[in-house]
C-alpha cells in the first residue's frame, strides 16, 4: 500500500504504509517514549512537549503527517520565537511558518523507516531508498541515495541511537524528500 499526502504543491509518498507498518511504527514510538525534546527541540512550549508523545502516537495509529502538523499548530503548542546565532551573536527570531509541517513529516517518515527496517528483517525482503517527494532542485547527496539498498539492521540501530539528531548513516536527512520501500 502506498500513502501519499499533498503539502503545498509537493506530494510525499510513504511506501508500504499499511496496518503492519503502523503497528511497527507504534512499537518504535513506544520503545523510546517519543520524548518531545528528542524530536522537536525548542520549538514546542511546555504544553506542546507534554502533548507530543500522544499526538505522535495518534498520527501513527490512524493519522497522517498533515494531521500531526495540524495538531502541533494549535492549543498553544508551538513557540513563536527561537534563539539563533550569527557571527557569534545570539538573537531571537521567528520560528519558520512551516516548522510544524516539516517536523511532522520528518518524524512520521523516521518512524516509517524504522517500521520498514523491522519488516525487512522479519519478511526477508530488500529495503531500497527512493524519492518520496519531488524536488525541482534535488541535493546531489540525496540523489546519490536513490535506488540503493540499505542494511535494515544497521539503519534501525542508527535511527534508534540517534533519535534526536542526524543519523550517522545520513538517512533520513532533514527535508531531503527521501524515503524507503520494501521490494
Protein backbone atom coordinates (compact mmCIF):
# COMPACT_ATOMS: atom_id res chain seq x y z
CA UNK A 1 0.00 0.00 0.00
CA UNK A 2 1.28 3.46 -0.84
CA UNK A 3 0.14 6.52 1.07
CA UNK A 4 0.60 9.97 -0.42
CA UNK A 5 -0.24 13.33 1.03
CA UNK A 6 -0.16 16.73 -0.56
CA UNK A 7 1.69 19.56 1.18
CA UNK A 8 1.51 22.78 -0.74
CA UNK A 9 2.41 21.64 -4.25
CA UNK A 10 4.50 18.73 -3.04
CA UNK A 11 3.27 15.20 -2.63
CA UNK A 12 5.08 12.91 -0.20
CA UNK A 13 4.71 9.18 -0.74
CA UNK A 14 5.19 6.68 2.06
CA UNK A 15 5.77 3.22 0.64
CA UNK A 16 4.21 0.19 2.26
CA UNK A 17 2.26 2.21 4.84
CA UNK A 18 -0.35 -0.28 5.99
CA UNK A 19 -1.62 -1.78 9.25
CA UNK A 20 1.56 -3.84 9.70
CA UNK A 21 3.81 -0.84 9.20
CA UNK A 22 1.70 1.31 11.53
CA UNK A 23 1.92 -1.43 14.19
CA UNK A 24 5.72 -1.40 13.93
CA UNK A 25 5.79 2.41 13.91
CA UNK A 26 3.80 2.46 17.14
CA UNK A 27 6.08 -0.15 18.73
CA UNK A 28 9.07 2.03 17.88
CA UNK A 29 7.39 5.15 19.28
CA UNK A 30 6.69 3.27 22.49
CA UNK A 31 10.25 1.92 22.64
CA UNK A 32 11.77 5.33 23.36
CA UNK A 33 8.72 7.03 24.79
CA UNK A 34 8.59 9.57 21.92
CA UNK A 35 10.00 12.40 24.04
CA UNK A 36 9.28 15.87 22.74
CA UNK A 37 12.77 17.28 23.16
CA UNK A 38 14.25 14.44 21.13
CA UNK A 39 12.14 15.36 18.15
CA UNK A 40 11.05 18.96 18.23
CA UNK A 41 13.85 20.69 20.05
CA UNK A 42 12.88 24.06 21.43
CA UNK A 43 10.02 24.74 19.02
CA UNK A 44 7.36 23.42 21.41
CA UNK A 45 6.01 25.10 24.52
CA UNK A 46 5.72 23.13 27.76
CA UNK A 47 2.17 22.21 26.69
CA UNK A 48 3.42 21.06 23.30
CA UNK A 49 6.16 18.97 24.89
CA UNK A 50 3.66 17.31 27.20
CA UNK A 51 1.26 16.62 24.31
CA UNK A 52 3.84 15.47 21.73
CA UNK A 53 4.03 11.75 22.61
CA UNK A 54 0.26 11.28 22.37
CA UNK A 55 -0.05 13.42 19.24
CA UNK A 56 2.66 11.39 17.53
CA UNK A 57 1.14 8.06 18.56
CA UNK A 58 -2.31 9.13 17.35
CA UNK A 59 -0.89 10.13 13.95
CA UNK A 60 0.91 6.80 13.73
CA UNK A 61 -2.22 4.84 14.64
CA UNK A 62 -4.72 6.49 12.32
CA UNK A 63 -3.43 9.81 11.07
CA UNK A 64 -1.07 11.38 8.64
CA UNK A 65 1.77 13.87 8.72
CA UNK A 66 -0.87 16.50 7.91
CA UNK A 67 -2.99 15.63 10.94
CA UNK A 68 0.11 15.66 13.15
CA UNK A 69 1.18 19.07 11.83
CA UNK A 70 -2.32 20.45 12.35
CA UNK A 71 -2.31 19.20 15.94
CA UNK A 72 1.11 20.75 16.55
CA UNK A 73 -0.07 24.19 15.40
CA UNK A 74 -2.95 24.57 17.91
CA UNK A 75 -3.65 24.87 21.63
CA UNK A 76 -0.54 26.87 22.45
CA UNK A 77 1.80 24.03 21.44
CA UNK A 78 4.28 25.81 19.16
CA UNK A 79 6.66 28.55 20.19
CA UNK A 80 6.62 31.73 18.13
CA UNK A 81 10.30 32.60 18.52
CA UNK A 82 13.57 30.75 18.88
CA UNK A 83 17.17 31.66 19.56
CA UNK A 84 19.66 31.68 16.72
CA UNK A 85 23.25 32.76 16.27
CA UNK A 86 25.02 34.74 13.57
CA UNK A 87 28.70 35.67 13.69
CA UNK A 88 28.84 34.77 17.38
CA UNK A 89 25.85 36.94 18.32
CA UNK A 90 22.72 35.27 19.69
CA UNK A 91 19.34 36.73 18.77
CA UNK A 92 15.66 35.80 18.80
CA UNK A 93 13.94 35.12 15.51
CA UNK A 94 10.54 33.91 14.36
CA UNK A 95 10.09 30.16 14.05
CA UNK A 96 9.62 29.27 10.37
CA UNK A 97 5.96 29.12 9.37
CA UNK A 98 6.32 25.58 8.04
CA UNK A 99 8.12 24.21 11.12
CA UNK A 100 5.18 22.04 12.20
CA UNK A 101 4.80 20.53 8.73
CA UNK A 102 8.49 19.77 8.35
CA UNK A 103 8.70 18.21 11.80
CA UNK A 104 5.52 16.17 11.42
CA UNK A 105 6.54 14.87 8.03
CA UNK A 106 10.10 14.20 9.16
CA UNK A 107 9.15 12.30 12.29
CA UNK A 108 6.41 10.33 10.55
CA UNK A 109 8.98 9.40 7.90
CA UNK A 110 11.56 8.38 10.54
CA UNK A 111 9.06 6.01 12.12
CA UNK A 112 8.15 4.72 8.67
CA UNK A 113 11.86 3.98 8.12
CA UNK A 114 12.08 2.15 11.43
CA UNK A 115 8.93 0.13 10.70
CA UNK A 116 10.14 -0.88 7.26
CA UNK A 117 13.51 -1.91 8.71
CA UNK A 118 11.65 -4.24 11.08
CA UNK A 119 9.52 -5.58 8.24
CA UNK A 120 12.56 -6.15 6.04
CA UNK A 121 14.27 -8.08 8.82
CA UNK A 122 11.16 -10.20 9.54
CA UNK A 123 10.00 -10.71 5.96
CA UNK A 124 13.48 -11.15 4.42
CA UNK A 125 12.87 -8.50 1.76
CA UNK A 126 15.02 -5.67 0.46
CA UNK A 127 14.92 -2.10 1.71
CA UNK A 128 15.55 0.44 -1.03
CA UNK A 129 15.92 4.21 -0.83
CA UNK A 130 13.53 6.16 -3.02
CA UNK A 131 12.47 9.75 -3.54
CA UNK A 132 9.28 10.19 -1.55
CA UNK A 133 8.84 13.82 -2.52
CA UNK A 134 9.55 15.58 -5.81
CA UNK A 135 12.21 18.26 -5.79
CA UNK A 136 12.89 20.74 -8.57
CA UNK A 137 16.44 21.11 -7.21
CA UNK A 138 17.39 17.83 -5.55
CA UNK A 139 20.53 17.84 -3.47
CA UNK A 140 23.29 15.72 -5.04
CA UNK A 141 23.81 13.89 -1.73
CA UNK A 142 20.12 12.92 -1.70
CA UNK A 143 20.20 11.80 -5.31
CA UNK A 144 23.17 9.56 -4.58
CA UNK A 145 20.99 7.50 -2.22
CA UNK A 146 18.16 6.78 -4.65
CA UNK A 147 17.97 3.13 -5.68
CA UNK A 148 20.47 1.97 -3.07
CA UNK A 149 19.63 -0.95 -0.87
CA UNK A 150 20.38 -0.41 2.80
CA UNK A 151 21.11 -2.81 5.62
CA UNK A 152 17.95 -2.74 7.75
CA UNK A 153 19.79 -3.81 10.92
CA UNK A 154 22.37 -1.02 10.62
CA UNK A 155 19.78 1.61 9.70
CA UNK A 156 17.43 0.61 12.53
CA UNK A 157 20.28 0.69 15.04
CA UNK A 158 21.35 4.11 13.77
CA UNK A 159 17.82 5.54 13.97
CA UNK A 160 17.30 4.16 17.48
CA UNK A 161 20.61 5.58 18.71
CA UNK A 162 20.13 9.00 17.08
CA UNK A 163 16.54 9.80 17.96
CA UNK A 164 17.11 13.50 18.43
CA UNK A 165 19.76 14.24 15.89
CA UNK A 166 21.02 13.41 12.47
CA UNK A 167 21.50 9.69 11.89
CA UNK A 168 25.11 8.69 11.29
CA UNK A 169 24.19 6.92 8.03
CA UNK A 170 22.54 10.11 6.78
CA UNK A 171 19.08 8.58 6.34
CA UNK A 172 16.68 10.17 6.52
CA UNK A 173 18.22 13.60 6.24
CA UNK A 174 16.13 16.62 7.13
CA UNK A 175 13.91 17.85 4.30
CA UNK A 176 15.61 15.58 1.74
CA UNK A 177 12.40 14.08 0.35
CA UNK A 178 13.85 10.60 0.66
CA UNK A 179 12.02 7.58 2.00
CA UNK A 180 12.39 3.81 1.81
CA UNK A 181 10.31 1.00 0.40
CA UNK A 182 10.26 -2.78 0.51
CA UNK A 183 10.97 -4.81 -2.60
